[in-house]
């Protein structure tokens, strides 16, 4: 390496040091780590990879994600605000059980929004929108044949989003996603039942063809039938897995 001599002294060139991260930069980095941990933990909880009532270790999560415990705590606080974890001082942190009251609220709110979307989609949907919806339903059939429960769920989400887009209100689907987080946990318990999923496909076909007919009343009725059917099976699933739920059976009437 070359050297610079000043007053008889030799100074080696040193590689430039990257300036240390400022306070705001460090906070942005920590926030990014918290976002990643939050997203992964949320996915595990919503998909029931982490069972309701299971204990949560900050130390283990930090080690698994290669981060300090600070972003883990931030992620857990956010999950607690969403009702997905319970943090009890001196007792630890656990995956929250599914609150029965929240299920009734979610179904009521989601039904109101999606009936409106179905009506508007029947009026506004283009032939290409209907073609896309039919293709999604076909993919759901293929998922049932392949016993691909996760793929079925992904296409279920895609269909409802496609209806919102056809209605001209894709932003409403973002609202639905926030509303239905507890409902999604419960719905995951229905996914291994492929006879039930075949029934769901028939209902989806009814919704899509009603939208294709251009009749808003028919589209809303088909969507309402879909939700009423869902209410019934969710009540059964809840009763079969009581340890996963918080609240009495009378708090949610199918």
C-alpha atoms as a PDB file:
ATOM      1  CA  UNK A   1       0.000   0.000   0.000  1.00  0.00           C
ATOM      2  CA  UNK A   2       1.356   3.468  -0.850  1.00  0.00           C
ATOM      3  CA  UNK A   3       2.322   5.898   1.907  1.00  0.00           C
ATOM      4  CA  UNK A   4       2.281   9.667   2.394  1.00  0.00           C
ATOM      5  CA  UNK A   5       5.210  11.234   4.233  1.00  0.00           C
ATOM      6  CA  UNK A   6       4.602  14.349   6.290  1.00  0.00           C
ATOM      7  CA  UNK A   7       7.533  15.907   8.204  1.00  0.00           C
ATOM      8  CA  UNK A   8       9.445  12.670   8.086  1.00  0.00           C
ATOM      9  CA  UNK A   9       6.499  10.616   9.290  1.00  0.00           C
ATOM     10  CA  UNK A  10       4.836   7.948   7.241  1.00  0.00           C
ATOM     11  CA  UNK A  11       1.027   7.726   7.135  1.00  0.00           C
ATOM     12  CA  UNK A  12      -0.563   4.767   5.403  1.00  0.00           C
ATOM     13  CA  UNK A  13      -3.661   5.356   3.351  1.00  0.00           C
ATOM     14  CA  UNK A  14      -6.594   4.038   5.328  1.00  0.00           C
ATOM     15  CA  UNK A  15      -9.802   2.899   3.677  1.00  0.00           C
ATOM     16  CA  UNK A  16     -12.595   5.354   4.115  1.00  0.00           C
ATOM     17  CA  UNK A  17     -14.802   4.443   6.967  1.00  0.00           C
ATOM     18  CA  UNK A  18     -18.496   4.479   6.357  1.00  0.00           C
ATOM     19  CA  UNK A  19     -20.077   7.058   8.631  1.00  0.00           C
ATOM     20  CA  UNK A  20     -21.866   5.430  11.503  1.00  0.00           C
ATOM     21  CA  UNK A  21     -25.624   5.372  11.212  1.00  0.00           C
ATOM     22  CA  UNK A  22     -27.299   8.403  12.657  1.00  0.00           C
ATOM     23  CA  UNK A  23     -30.103   8.142  15.182  1.00  0.00           C
ATOM     24  CA  UNK A  24     -32.881   8.294  12.546  1.00  0.00           C
ATOM     25  CA  UNK A  25     -31.088   5.717  10.365  1.00  0.00           C
ATOM     26  CA  UNK A  26     -30.742   3.343  13.287  1.00  0.00           C
ATOM     27  CA  UNK A  27     -34.421   3.795  14.071  1.00  0.00           C
ATOM     28  CA  UNK A  28     -35.339   3.040  10.445  1.00  0.00           C
ATOM     29  CA  UNK A  29     -33.226  -0.135  10.564  1.00  0.00           C
ATOM     30  CA  UNK A  30     -34.859  -1.231  13.807  1.00  0.00           C
ATOM     31  CA  UNK A  31     -38.298  -0.467  12.399  1.00  0.00           C
ATOM     32  CA  UNK A  32     -37.533  -2.594   9.344  1.00  0.00           C
ATOM     33  CA  UNK A  33     -36.509  -5.510  11.555  1.00  0.00           C
ATOM     34  CA  UNK A  34     -39.693  -5.074  13.587  1.00  0.00           C
ATOM     35  CA  UNK A  35     -41.754  -5.037  10.389  1.00  0.00           C
ATOM     36  CA  UNK A  36     -40.196  -8.307   9.222  1.00  0.00           C
ATOM     37  CA  UNK A  37     -40.706 -10.013  12.583  1.00  0.00           C
ATOM     38  CA  UNK A  38     -44.266  -8.688  12.815  1.00  0.00           C
ATOM     39  CA  UNK A  39     -45.135  -9.911   9.330  1.00  0.00           C
ATOM     40  CA  UNK A  40     -43.727 -13.400   9.933  1.00  0.00           C
ATOM     41  CA  UNK A  41     -45.277 -13.838  13.364  1.00  0.00           C
ATOM     42  CA  UNK A  42     -48.609 -12.533  12.120  1.00  0.00           C
ATOM     43  CA  UNK A  43     -48.568 -15.039   9.267  1.00  0.00           C
ATOM     44  CA  UNK A  44     -47.812 -17.889  11.669  1.00  0.00           C
ATOM     45  CA  UNK A  45     -50.647 -16.858  13.982  1.00  0.00           C
ATOM     46  CA  UNK A  46     -53.262 -16.267  11.280  1.00  0.00           C
ATOM     47  CA  UNK A  47     -52.460 -19.564   9.545  1.00  0.00           C
ATOM     48  CA  UNK A  48     -52.513 -21.373  12.917  1.00  0.00           C
ATOM     49  CA  UNK A  49     -48.893 -22.471  12.511  1.00  0.00           C
ATOM     50  CA  UNK A  50     -48.747 -20.995  16.019  1.00  0.00           C
ATOM     51  CA  UNK A  51     -51.681 -22.438  17.930  1.00  0.00           C
ATOM     52  CA  UNK A  52     -54.010 -20.242  19.989  1.00  0.00           C
ATOM     53  CA  UNK A  53     -52.811 -20.278  23.587  1.00  0.00           C
ATOM     54  CA  UNK A  54     -49.211 -21.231  22.727  1.00  0.00           C
ATOM     55  CA  UNK A  55     -46.479 -19.468  24.711  1.00  0.00           C
ATOM     56  CA  UNK A  56     -44.132 -17.041  22.951  1.00  0.00           C
ATOM     57  CA  UNK A  57     -40.448 -16.550  23.800  1.00  0.00           C
ATOM     58  CA  UNK A  58     -38.885 -13.202  22.879  1.00  0.00           C
ATOM     59  CA  UNK A  59     -35.434 -14.752  23.191  1.00  0.00           C
ATOM     60  CA  UNK A  60     -36.205 -17.618  20.813  1.00  0.00           C
ATOM     61  CA  UNK A  61     -37.836 -15.333  18.257  1.00  0.00           C
ATOM     62  CA  UNK A  62     -34.871 -12.947  18.349  1.00  0.00           C
ATOM     63  CA  UNK A  63     -32.444 -15.832  17.815  1.00  0.00           C
ATOM     64  CA  UNK A  64     -34.522 -17.325  15.004  1.00  0.00           C
ATOM     65  CA  UNK A  65     -34.639 -14.008  13.136  1.00  0.00           C
ATOM     66  CA  UNK A  66     -31.102 -12.893  13.939  1.00  0.00           C
ATOM     67  CA  UNK A  67     -32.208  -9.668  15.609  1.00  0.00           C
ATOM     68  CA  UNK A  68     -32.094  -8.133  19.066  1.00  0.00           C
ATOM     69  CA  UNK A  69     -35.061  -8.375  21.400  1.00  0.00           C
ATOM     70  CA  UNK A  70     -36.022  -4.720  20.810  1.00  0.00           C
ATOM     71  CA  UNK A  71     -37.667  -5.218  17.378  1.00  0.00           C
ATOM     72  CA  UNK A  72     -39.236  -8.425  18.677  1.00  0.00           C
ATOM     73  CA  UNK A  73     -40.883  -6.503  21.521  1.00  0.00           C
ATOM     74  CA  UNK A  74     -42.112  -3.879  19.063  1.00  0.00           C
ATOM     75  CA  UNK A  75     -43.578  -6.559  16.804  1.00  0.00           C
ATOM     76  CA  UNK A  76     -45.311  -8.252  19.738  1.00  0.00           C
ATOM     77  CA  UNK A  77     -46.812  -4.958  20.911  1.00  0.00           C
ATOM     78  CA  UNK A  78     -48.261  -4.415  17.445  1.00  0.00           C
ATOM     79  CA  UNK A  79     -49.667  -7.940  17.419  1.00  0.00           C
ATOM     80  CA  UNK A  80     -51.204  -7.304  20.836  1.00  0.00           C
ATOM     81  CA  UNK A  81     -52.933  -4.209  19.442  1.00  0.00           C
ATOM     82  CA  UNK A  82     -54.377  -6.423  16.689  1.00  0.00           C
ATOM     83  CA  UNK A  83     -55.655  -8.888  19.273  1.00  0.00           C
ATOM     84  CA  UNK A  84     -53.331 -11.656  18.091  1.00  0.00           C
ATOM     85  CA  UNK A  85     -51.123 -11.989  21.182  1.00  0.00           C
ATOM     86  CA  UNK A  86     -51.652 -11.450  24.893  1.00  0.00           C
ATOM     87  CA  UNK A  87     -48.867  -9.873  26.942  1.00  0.00           C
ATOM     88  CA  UNK A  88     -49.270 -10.413  30.679  1.00  0.00           C
ATOM     89  CA  UNK A  89     -46.682  -8.893  33.052  1.00  0.00           C
ATOM     90  CA  UNK A  90     -44.807 -11.577  35.028  1.00  0.00           C
ATOM     91  CA  UNK A  91     -46.784 -14.287  33.246  1.00  0.00           C
ATOM     92  CA  UNK A  92     -45.325 -14.032  29.752  1.00  0.00           C
ATOM     93  CA  UNK A  93     -46.677 -13.697  26.238  1.00  0.00           C
ATOM     94  CA  UNK A  94     -49.031 -16.083  24.477  1.00  0.00           C
ATOM     95  CA  UNK A  95     -50.802 -16.397  21.161  1.00  0.00           C
ATOM     96  CA  UNK A  96     -54.273 -15.012  21.807  1.00  0.00           C
ATOM     97  CA  UNK A  97     -57.199 -17.355  21.589  1.00  0.00           C
ATOM     98  CA  UNK A  98     -59.783 -16.505  18.946  1.00  0.00           C
ATOM     99  CA  UNK A  99     -62.310 -14.094  20.510  1.00  0.00           C
ATOM    100  CA  UNK A 100     -65.832 -15.300  19.795  1.00  0.00           C
ATOM    101  CA  UNK A 101     -67.347 -11.810  19.995  1.00  0.00           C
ATOM    102  CA  UNK A 102     -64.937 -10.537  17.333  1.00  0.00           C
ATOM    103  CA  UNK A 103     -66.075 -13.273  14.949  1.00  0.00           C
ATOM    104  CA  UNK A 104     -69.659 -12.049  14.965  1.00  0.00           C
ATOM    105  CA  UNK A 105     -68.498  -8.468  14.461  1.00  0.00           C
ATOM    106  CA  UNK A 106     -66.232  -9.478  11.573  1.00  0.00           C
ATOM    107  CA  UNK A 107     -68.930 -11.442   9.772  1.00  0.00           C
ATOM    108  CA  UNK A 108     -71.446  -8.608  10.173  1.00  0.00           C
ATOM    109  CA  UNK A 109     -69.043  -5.960   8.862  1.00  0.00           C
ATOM    110  CA  UNK A 110     -67.643  -8.100   6.071  1.00  0.00           C
ATOM    111  CA  UNK A 111     -71.078  -9.160   4.854  1.00  0.00           C
ATOM    112  CA  UNK A 112     -72.250  -5.541   4.663  1.00  0.00           C
ATOM    113  CA  UNK A 113     -69.201  -4.479   2.668  1.00  0.00           C
ATOM    114  CA  UNK A 114     -69.095  -7.449   0.318  1.00  0.00           C
ATOM    115  CA  UNK A 115     -72.799  -7.382  -0.492  1.00  0.00           C
ATOM    116  CA  UNK A 116     -72.273  -3.792  -1.595  1.00  0.00           C
ATOM    117  CA  UNK A 117     -69.263  -4.838  -3.683  1.00  0.00           C
ATOM    118  CA  UNK A 118     -71.227  -7.661  -5.325  1.00  0.00           C
ATOM    119  CA  UNK A 119     -74.016  -5.253  -6.271  1.00  0.00           C
ATOM    120  CA  UNK A 120     -71.603  -2.765  -7.803  1.00  0.00           C
ATOM    121  CA  UNK A 121     -69.627  -5.478  -9.571  1.00  0.00           C
ATOM    122  CA  UNK A 122     -72.827  -6.709 -11.243  1.00  0.00           C
ATOM    123  CA  UNK A 123     -73.327  -3.230 -12.681  1.00  0.00           C
ATOM    124  CA  UNK A 124     -69.725  -2.383 -13.542  1.00  0.00           C
ATOM    125  CA  UNK A 125     -67.919  -5.655 -14.309  1.00  0.00           C
ATOM    126  CA  UNK A 126     -66.450  -5.986 -17.791  1.00  0.00           C
ATOM    127  CA  UNK A 127     -66.373  -9.314 -19.649  1.00  0.00           C
ATOM    128  CA  UNK A 128     -62.645  -9.526 -18.895  1.00  0.00           C
ATOM    129  CA  UNK A 129     -63.393  -9.175 -15.160  1.00  0.00           C
ATOM    130  CA  UNK A 130     -65.849 -12.069 -15.283  1.00  0.00           C
ATOM    131  CA  UNK A 131     -63.365 -14.172 -17.260  1.00  0.00           C
ATOM    132  CA  UNK A 132     -60.734 -13.539 -14.585  1.00  0.00           C
ATOM    133  CA  UNK A 133     -63.170 -14.522 -11.818  1.00  0.00           C
ATOM    134  CA  UNK A 134     -64.107 -17.746 -13.580  1.00  0.00           C
ATOM    135  CA  UNK A 135     -60.416 -18.566 -13.972  1.00  0.00           C
ATOM    136  CA  UNK A 136     -59.895 -18.114 -10.230  1.00  0.00           C
ATOM    137  CA  UNK A 137     -62.781 -20.475  -9.446  1.00  0.00           C
ATOM    138  CA  UNK A 138     -61.255 -23.010 -11.835  1.00  0.00           C
ATOM    139  CA  UNK A 139     -57.953 -22.753  -9.969  1.00  0.00           C
ATOM    140  CA  UNK A 140     -59.854 -23.471  -6.765  1.00  0.00           C
ATOM    141  CA  UNK A 141     -61.205 -26.668  -8.326  1.00  0.00           C
ATOM    142  CA  UNK A 142     -57.660 -27.660  -9.221  1.00  0.00           C
ATOM    143  CA  UNK A 143     -56.536 -26.958  -5.657  1.00  0.00           C
ATOM    144  CA  UNK A 144     -59.247 -29.237  -4.271  1.00  0.00           C
ATOM    145  CA  UNK A 145     -58.231 -31.996  -6.699  1.00  0.00           C
ATOM    146  CA  UNK A 146     -54.597 -31.565  -5.615  1.00  0.00           C
ATOM    147  CA  UNK A 147     -55.555 -31.352  -1.918  1.00  0.00           C
ATOM    148  CA  UNK A 148     -53.846 -27.950  -1.810  1.00  0.00           C
ATOM    149  CA  UNK A 149     -55.582 -26.145   1.058  1.00  0.00           C
ATOM    150  CA  UNK A 150     -53.185 -23.197   1.075  1.00  0.00           C
ATOM    151  CA  UNK A 151     -53.636 -22.671  -2.653  1.00  0.00           C
ATOM    152  CA  UNK A 152     -57.395 -22.782  -2.208  1.00  0.00           C
ATOM    153  CA  UNK A 153     -57.219 -20.076   0.453  1.00  0.00           C
ATOM    154  CA  UNK A 154     -54.999 -17.860  -1.715  1.00  0.00           C
ATOM    155  CA  UNK A 155     -57.443 -18.114  -4.604  1.00  0.00           C
ATOM    156  CA  UNK A 156     -60.355 -17.448  -2.266  1.00  0.00           C
ATOM    157  CA  UNK A 157     -58.694 -14.163  -1.342  1.00  0.00           C
ATOM    158  CA  UNK A 158     -57.977 -13.457  -5.017  1.00  0.00           C
ATOM    159  CA  UNK A 159     -61.628 -13.936  -5.981  1.00  0.00           C
ATOM    160  CA  UNK A 160     -62.981 -11.572  -3.364  1.00  0.00           C
ATOM    161  CA  UNK A 161     -60.361  -8.989  -4.322  1.00  0.00           C
ATOM    162  CA  UNK A 162     -61.294  -9.402  -8.001  1.00  0.00           C
ATOM    163  CA  UNK A 163     -64.914  -8.638  -7.110  1.00  0.00           C
ATOM    164  CA  UNK A 164     -63.821  -5.490  -5.272  1.00  0.00           C
ATOM    165  CA  UNK A 165     -61.761  -4.414  -8.292  1.00  0.00           C
ATOM    166  CA  UNK A 166     -64.642  -5.069 -10.680  1.00  0.00           C
ATOM    167  CA  UNK A 167     -66.865  -2.981  -8.407  1.00  0.00           C
ATOM    168  CA  UNK A 168     -64.386  -0.114  -8.698  1.00  0.00           C
ATOM    169  CA  UNK A 169     -63.492  -0.186  -4.989  1.00  0.00           C
ATOM    170  CA  UNK A 170     -60.267  -2.174  -4.480  1.00  0.00           C
ATOM    171  CA  UNK A 171     -59.559  -0.069  -1.395  1.00  0.00           C
ATOM    172  CA  UNK A 172     -62.575  -1.582   0.333  1.00  0.00           C
ATOM    173  CA  UNK A 173     -60.835  -4.962   0.198  1.00  0.00           C
ATOM    174  CA  UNK A 174     -57.985  -3.471   2.245  1.00  0.00           C
ATOM    175  CA  UNK A 175     -60.588  -2.576   4.868  1.00  0.00           C
ATOM    176  CA  UNK A 176     -61.979  -6.110   4.741  1.00  0.00           C
ATOM    177  CA  UNK A 177     -58.492  -7.544   5.306  1.00  0.00           C
ATOM    178  CA  UNK A 178     -58.205  -5.605   8.557  1.00  0.00           C
ATOM    179  CA  UNK A 179     -61.683  -6.576   9.698  1.00  0.00           C
ATOM    180  CA  UNK A 180     -61.385 -10.300   9.069  1.00  0.00           C
ATOM    181  CA  UNK A 181     -58.093 -11.199  10.749  1.00  0.00           C
ATOM    182  CA  UNK A 182     -59.757 -13.242  13.525  1.00  0.00           C
ATOM    183  CA  UNK A 183     -62.181 -14.745  11.030  1.00  0.00           C
ATOM    184  CA  UNK A 184     -59.244 -15.929   8.924  1.00  0.00           C
ATOM    185  CA  UNK A 185     -57.870 -17.856  11.888  1.00  0.00           C
ATOM    186  CA  UNK A 186     -61.180 -19.633  12.283  1.00  0.00           C
ATOM    187  CA  UNK A 187     -61.522 -20.276   8.549  1.00  0.00           C
ATOM    188  CA  UNK A 188     -58.151 -22.014   8.572  1.00  0.00           C
ATOM    189  CA  UNK A 189     -59.738 -24.767  10.626  1.00  0.00           C
ATOM    190  CA  UNK A 190     -62.123 -25.502   7.726  1.00  0.00           C
ATOM    191  CA  UNK A 191     -59.414 -25.869   5.071  1.00  0.00           C
ATOM    192  CA  UNK A 192     -58.660 -29.582   5.582  1.00  0.00           C
ATOM    193  CA  UNK A 193     -62.352 -30.336   4.872  1.00  0.00           C
ATOM    194  CA  UNK A 194     -62.297 -30.699   1.098  1.00  0.00           C
ATOM    195  CA  UNK A 195     -65.982 -31.644   0.919  1.00  0.00           C
ATOM    196  CA  UNK A 196     -66.727 -28.257   2.443  1.00  0.00           C
ATOM    197  CA  UNK A 197     -64.342 -26.537   0.032  1.00  0.00           C
ATOM    198  CA  UNK A 198     -66.169 -28.138  -2.894  1.00  0.00           C
ATOM    199  CA  UNK A 199     -69.367 -26.607  -1.517  1.00  0.00           C
ATOM    200  CA  UNK A 200     -67.612 -23.227  -1.339  1.00  0.00           C
ATOM    201  CA  UNK A 201     -66.685 -23.538  -5.017  1.00  0.00           C
ATOM    202  CA  UNK A 202     -70.355 -24.003  -5.939  1.00  0.00           C
ATOM    203  CA  UNK A 203     -71.216 -20.870  -3.979  1.00  0.00           C
ATOM    204  CA  UNK A 204     -68.406 -18.931  -5.646  1.00  0.00           C
ATOM    205  CA  UNK A 205     -69.727 -20.038  -9.022  1.00  0.00           C
ATOM    206  CA  UNK A 206     -73.129 -18.704  -8.032  1.00  0.00           C
ATOM    207  CA  UNK A 207     -71.663 -15.340  -7.057  1.00  0.00           C
ATOM    208  CA  UNK A 208     -69.622 -15.024 -10.260  1.00  0.00           C
ATOM    209  CA  UNK A 209     -72.492 -15.997 -12.556  1.00  0.00           C
ATOM    210  CA  UNK A 210     -74.822 -13.598 -10.737  1.00  0.00           C
ATOM    211  CA  UNK A 211     -72.307 -10.802 -11.328  1.00  0.00           C
ATOM    212  CA  UNK A 212     -72.024 -11.878 -14.970  1.00  0.00           C
ATOM    213  CA  UNK A 213     -75.815 -11.592 -15.325  1.00  0.00           C
ATOM    214  CA  UNK A 214     -75.647  -7.886 -14.536  1.00  0.00           C
ATOM    215  CA  UNK A 215     -78.374  -8.234 -11.885  1.00  0.00           C
ATOM    216  CA  UNK A 216     -77.243  -6.480  -8.666  1.00  0.00           C
ATOM    217  CA  UNK A 217     -80.015  -8.024  -6.540  1.00  0.00           C
ATOM    218  CA  UNK A 218     -79.098 -11.520  -7.699  1.00  0.00           C
ATOM    219  CA  UNK A 219     -75.406 -10.851  -7.037  1.00  0.00           C
ATOM    220  CA  UNK A 220     -76.089  -9.573  -3.520  1.00  0.00           C
ATOM    221  CA  UNK A 221     -78.351 -12.555  -2.786  1.00  0.00           C
ATOM    222  CA  UNK A 222     -75.669 -15.000  -3.956  1.00  0.00           C
ATOM    223  CA  UNK A 223     -73.062 -13.313  -1.771  1.00  0.00           C
ATOM    224  CA  UNK A 224     -75.418 -13.340   1.212  1.00  0.00           C
ATOM    225  CA  UNK A 225     -76.045 -17.065   0.739  1.00  0.00           C
ATOM    226  CA  UNK A 226     -72.280 -17.567   0.758  1.00  0.00           C
ATOM    227  CA  UNK A 227     -71.895 -15.728   4.059  1.00  0.00           C
ATOM    228  CA  UNK A 228     -74.820 -17.451   5.750  1.00  0.00           C
ATOM    229  CA  UNK A 229     -73.366 -20.818   4.782  1.00  0.00           C
ATOM    230  CA  UNK A 230     -70.016 -19.740   6.200  1.00  0.00           C
ATOM    231  CA  UNK A 231     -71.605 -18.751   9.508  1.00  0.00           C
ATOM    232  CA  UNK A 232     -73.033 -22.226   9.970  1.00  0.00           C
ATOM    233  CA  UNK A 233     -69.814 -24.137   9.366  1.00  0.00           C
ATOM    234  CA  UNK A 234     -67.774 -21.738  11.476  1.00  0.00           C
ATOM    235  CA  UNK A 235     -70.060 -22.372  14.416  1.00  0.00           C
ATOM    236  CA  UNK A 236     -69.481 -26.111  14.029  1.00  0.00           C
ATOM    237  CA  UNK A 237     -65.719 -25.701  13.767  1.00  0.00           C
ATOM    238  CA  UNK A 238     -65.649 -23.534  16.865  1.00  0.00           C
ATOM    239  CA  UNK A 239     -67.551 -26.137  18.848  1.00  0.00           C
ATOM    240  CA  UNK A 240     -65.115 -28.843  17.715  1.00  0.00           C
ATOM    241  CA  UNK A 241     -62.065 -26.834  18.862  1.00  0.00           C
ATOM    242  CA  UNK A 242     -63.173 -25.107  22.089  1.00  0.00           C
ATOM    243  CA  UNK A 243     -59.623 -24.724  23.460  1.00  0.00           C
ATOM    244  CA  UNK A 244     -58.794 -22.363  20.594  1.00  0.00           C
ATOM    245  CA  UNK A 245     -61.517 -19.874  21.501  1.00  0.00           C
ATOM    246  CA  UNK A 246     -62.175 -17.221  24.093  1.00  0.00           C
ATOM    247  CA  UNK A 247     -65.849 -16.702  24.884  1.00  0.00           C
ATOM    248  CA  UNK A 248     -68.986 -18.741  25.329  1.00  0.00           C
ATOM    249  CA  UNK A 249     -70.976 -20.361  22.567  1.00  0.00           C
ATOM    250  CA  UNK A 250     -73.868 -17.953  23.113  1.00  0.00           C
ATOM    251  CA  UNK A 251     -71.715 -14.969  22.157  1.00  0.00           C
ATOM    252  CA  UNK A 252     -71.682 -15.956  18.501  1.00  0.00           C
ATOM    253  CA  UNK A 253     -74.877 -17.213  16.969  1.00  0.00           C
ATOM    254  CA  UNK A 254     -74.452 -18.746  13.514  1.00  0.00           C
END
